[in-house]
Amino acid sequence: IHDYYKTVVNYDYQNYYNIFAPMVYSFYNYKNVSVDEIISDNINYSKKWKYVSIEYLPNTLDIIYQNDNVTELNYQIIYKAKQQEFDSWKVYNLKLKLILDDNNKIISIEEIKL
C-alpha cells in the first residue's frame, strides 16, 4: 500500500509495472485496463492536479479475505489535490478496496467517498 501511494505522489510511472498486474479488471471507474492505460490516465490527471498529498491511515487496514490466489484489503486515506501551488487543497476522506493477485500485484482498486 505504501509503495503504491509513494509511486502515485512521485509520479513514478515506471514503477506501475511493479505494482499492477498486466491487466487490471477494475481501476476506479475503468474496467479491464492495461498498465499502459493506467499510466496514460495518471499522466492526464497529473496535468490538471499538479499537487497531490496522500495520508494512508494504517489503523484502518482490514484484510477481508485471503486465499491461494487473491487478497482483498480495505483501508482509508486522506487524499488532497490542488491545481496550482497557492490554491486551497481539495480534501477527500476515502475508503479504498484493493485486490491483490498471488504475486501481490494490484488487480482491482476502487474508492468510496466517506
C-alpha atoms as a PDB file:
ATOM      1  CA  ILE A   1       0.000   0.000   0.000  1.00  0.00           C
ATOM      2  CA  HIS A   2       2.793   2.384   0.946  1.00  0.00           C
ATOM      3  CA  ASP A   3       4.659   1.701  -2.324  1.00  0.00           C
ATOM      4  CA  TYR A   4       1.539   2.425  -4.350  1.00  0.00           C
ATOM      5  CA  TYR A   5       0.979   5.851  -2.795  1.00  0.00           C
ATOM      6  CA  LYS A   6       4.654   6.749  -2.880  1.00  0.00           C
ATOM      7  CA  THR A   7       4.608   5.898  -6.601  1.00  0.00           C
ATOM      8  CA  VAL A   8       1.451   7.978  -7.203  1.00  0.00           C
ATOM      9  CA  VAL A   9       2.662  11.066  -5.329  1.00  0.00           C
ATOM     10  CA  ASN A  10       6.093  10.958  -7.001  1.00  0.00           C
ATOM     11  CA  TYR A  11       4.630  10.309 -10.482  1.00  0.00           C
ATOM     12  CA  ASP A  12       6.942   7.287 -10.732  1.00  0.00           C
ATOM     13  CA  TYR A  13       5.136   5.757 -13.702  1.00  0.00           C
ATOM     14  CA  GLN A  14       7.757   3.103 -14.448  1.00  0.00           C
ATOM     15  CA  ASN A  15       7.121   1.582 -11.026  1.00  0.00           C
ATOM     16  CA  TYR A  16       3.487   0.953 -12.007  1.00  0.00           C
ATOM     17  CA  TYR A  17       4.715  -2.170 -13.811  1.00  0.00           C
ATOM     18  CA  ASN A  18       5.913  -3.495 -10.434  1.00  0.00           C
ATOM     19  CA  ILE A  19       2.692  -2.611  -8.611  1.00  0.00           C
ATOM     20  CA  PHE A  20      -0.088  -3.507 -11.070  1.00  0.00           C
ATOM     21  CA  ALA A  21      -0.856  -6.816 -12.753  1.00  0.00           C
ATOM     22  CA  PRO A  22      -0.556  -6.654 -16.571  1.00  0.00           C
ATOM     23  CA  MET A  23      -4.363  -6.444 -16.819  1.00  0.00           C
ATOM     24  CA  VAL A  24      -6.355  -4.703 -14.071  1.00  0.00           C
ATOM     25  CA  TYR A  25     -10.026  -5.612 -14.105  1.00  0.00           C
ATOM     26  CA  SER A  26     -11.106  -2.576 -12.087  1.00  0.00           C
ATOM     27  CA  PHE A  27      -9.213   0.717 -11.814  1.00  0.00           C
ATOM     28  CA  TYR A  28     -11.576   3.194 -10.160  1.00  0.00           C
ATOM     29  CA  ASN A  29     -14.141   3.867 -12.924  1.00  0.00           C
ATOM     30  CA  TYR A  30     -12.362   1.864 -15.626  1.00  0.00           C
ATOM     31  CA  LYS A  31     -12.710  -1.845 -16.356  1.00  0.00           C
ATOM     32  CA  ASN A  32     -10.145  -4.219 -17.866  1.00  0.00           C
ATOM     33  CA  VAL A  33      -7.266  -1.801 -18.369  1.00  0.00           C
ATOM     34  CA  SER A  34      -3.582  -2.364 -19.002  1.00  0.00           C
ATOM     35  CA  VAL A  35      -0.761  -0.786 -17.022  1.00  0.00           C
ATOM     36  CA  ASP A  36      -0.049   1.455 -20.017  1.00  0.00           C
ATOM     37  CA  GLU A  37      -3.654   2.723 -19.929  1.00  0.00           C
ATOM     38  CA  ILE A  38      -3.362   3.373 -16.173  1.00  0.00           C
ATOM     39  CA  ILE A  39      -0.145   5.328 -16.739  1.00  0.00           C
ATOM     40  CA  SER A  40      -1.775   7.374 -19.517  1.00  0.00           C
ATOM     41  CA  ASP A  41      -4.755   8.154 -17.265  1.00  0.00           C
ATOM     42  CA  ASN A  42      -2.450   9.200 -14.430  1.00  0.00           C
ATOM     43  CA  ILE A  43      -0.376  11.440 -16.702  1.00  0.00           C
ATOM     44  CA  ASN A  44      -3.550  13.216 -17.842  1.00  0.00           C
ATOM     45  CA  TYR A  45      -4.745  13.515 -14.224  1.00  0.00           C
ATOM     46  CA  SER A  46      -1.414  14.984 -13.105  1.00  0.00           C
ATOM     47  CA  LYS A  47      -1.608  17.681 -15.776  1.00  0.00           C
ATOM     48  CA  LYS A  48      -4.740  19.025 -14.101  1.00  0.00           C
ATOM     49  CA  TRP A  49      -3.940  18.190 -10.459  1.00  0.00           C
ATOM     50  CA  LYS A  50      -0.254  19.060 -10.151  1.00  0.00           C
ATOM     51  CA  TYR A  51      -0.111  18.806  -6.361  1.00  0.00           C
ATOM     52  CA  VAL A  52      -1.215  15.665  -4.549  1.00  0.00           C
ATOM     53  CA  SER A  53      -0.856  14.545  -0.951  1.00  0.00           C
ATOM     54  CA  ILE A  54      -1.972  11.176   0.367  1.00  0.00           C
ATOM     55  CA  GLU A  55      -2.123  10.162   4.012  1.00  0.00           C
ATOM     56  CA  TYR A  56      -2.590   6.434   4.481  1.00  0.00           C
ATOM     57  CA  LEU A  57      -4.384   5.622   7.752  1.00  0.00           C
ATOM     58  CA  PRO A  58      -2.758   2.306   8.788  1.00  0.00           C
ATOM     59  CA  ASN A  59      -5.098   1.688  11.721  1.00  0.00           C
ATOM     60  CA  THR A  60      -7.976   1.303   9.215  1.00  0.00           C
ATOM     61  CA  LEU A  61      -6.467  -1.653   7.359  1.00  0.00           C
ATOM     62  CA  ASP A  62      -8.881  -4.583   7.181  1.00  0.00           C
ATOM     63  CA  ILE A  63      -7.987  -7.811   5.378  1.00  0.00           C
ATOM     64  CA  ILE A  64     -11.336  -9.086   4.145  1.00  0.00           C
ATOM     65  CA  TYR A  65     -10.263 -12.446   2.782  1.00  0.00           C
ATOM     66  CA  GLN A  66      -7.187 -14.238   1.744  1.00  0.00           C
ATOM     67  CA  ASN A  67      -6.872 -17.434  -0.244  1.00  0.00           C
ATOM     68  CA  ASP A  68      -4.330 -19.037  -2.571  1.00  0.00           C
ATOM     69  CA  ASN A  69      -4.996 -16.565  -5.378  1.00  0.00           C
ATOM     70  CA  VAL A  70      -6.083 -13.170  -4.051  1.00  0.00           C
ATOM     71  CA  THR A  71      -6.070 -10.896  -1.030  1.00  0.00           C
ATOM     72  CA  GLU A  72      -8.668  -8.163  -0.518  1.00  0.00           C
ATOM     73  CA  LEU A  73      -7.794  -5.157   1.614  1.00  0.00           C
ATOM     74  CA  ASN A  74      -9.943  -2.252   2.739  1.00  0.00           C
ATOM     75  CA  TYR A  75      -8.411   0.874   4.231  1.00  0.00           C
ATOM     76  CA  GLN A  76      -8.866   4.621   4.442  1.00  0.00           C
ATOM     77  CA  ILE A  77      -6.818   7.552   3.210  1.00  0.00           C
ATOM     78  CA  ILE A  78      -6.966  11.317   3.354  1.00  0.00           C
ATOM     79  CA  TYR A  79      -6.471  12.462  -0.255  1.00  0.00           C
ATOM     80  CA  LYS A  80      -5.611  16.078  -1.067  1.00  0.00           C
ATOM     81  CA  ALA A  81      -5.204  17.639  -4.504  1.00  0.00           C
ATOM     82  CA  LYS A  82      -4.815  21.108  -5.963  1.00  0.00           C
ATOM     83  CA  GLN A  83      -4.113  22.537  -9.388  1.00  0.00           C
ATOM     84  CA  GLN A  84      -1.716  25.352  -8.511  1.00  0.00           C
ATOM     85  CA  GLU A  85       0.753  25.794  -5.673  1.00  0.00           C
ATOM     86  CA  PHE A  86      -1.205  28.538  -3.904  1.00  0.00           C
ATOM     87  CA  ASP A  87      -4.681  27.019  -4.416  1.00  0.00           C
ATOM     88  CA  SER A  88      -6.587  25.586  -1.499  1.00  0.00           C
ATOM     89  CA  TRP A  89      -6.440  21.828  -1.123  1.00  0.00           C
ATOM     90  CA  LYS A  90      -9.477  19.765  -2.090  1.00  0.00           C
ATOM     91  CA  VAL A  91      -9.650  17.184   0.692  1.00  0.00           C
ATOM     92  CA  TYR A  92     -11.325  13.780   0.476  1.00  0.00           C
ATOM     93  CA  ASN A  93     -11.724  11.099   3.113  1.00  0.00           C
ATOM     94  CA  LEU A  94     -11.749   7.871   1.107  1.00  0.00           C
ATOM     95  CA  LYS A  95     -12.186   4.178   1.756  1.00  0.00           C
ATOM     96  CA  LEU A  96     -10.327   2.029  -0.739  1.00  0.00           C
ATOM     97  CA  LYS A  97     -10.842  -1.573  -1.707  1.00  0.00           C
ATOM     98  CA  LEU A  98      -7.717  -3.153  -3.118  1.00  0.00           C
ATOM     99  CA  ILE A  99      -7.447  -6.678  -4.508  1.00  0.00           C
ATOM    100  CA  LEU A 100      -4.023  -8.251  -4.989  1.00  0.00           C
ATOM    101  CA  ASP A 101      -3.200 -11.322  -7.035  1.00  0.00           C
ATOM    102  CA  ASP A 102      -0.953 -14.156  -5.855  1.00  0.00           C
ATOM    103  CA  ASN A 103       2.091 -12.057  -6.846  1.00  0.00           C
ATOM    104  CA  ASN A 104       0.859  -9.159  -4.665  1.00  0.00           C
ATOM    105  CA  LYS A 105       0.129  -7.037  -7.718  1.00  0.00           C
ATOM    106  CA  ILE A 106      -2.993  -4.901  -7.878  1.00  0.00           C
ATOM    107  CA  ILE A 107      -5.773  -6.408  -9.978  1.00  0.00           C
ATOM    108  CA  SER A 108      -8.514  -4.096  -8.681  1.00  0.00           C
ATOM    109  CA  ILE A 109      -8.686  -0.762  -6.878  1.00  0.00           C
ATOM    110  CA  GLU A 110     -11.905   1.095  -6.089  1.00  0.00           C
ATOM    111  CA  GLU A 111     -12.768   4.020  -3.825  1.00  0.00           C
ATOM    112  CA  ILE A 112     -15.742   5.176  -1.797  1.00  0.00           C
ATOM    113  CA  LYS A 113     -16.028   8.766  -0.594  1.00  0.00           C
ATOM    114  CA  LEU A 114     -16.806   8.874   3.123  1.00  0.00           C
END
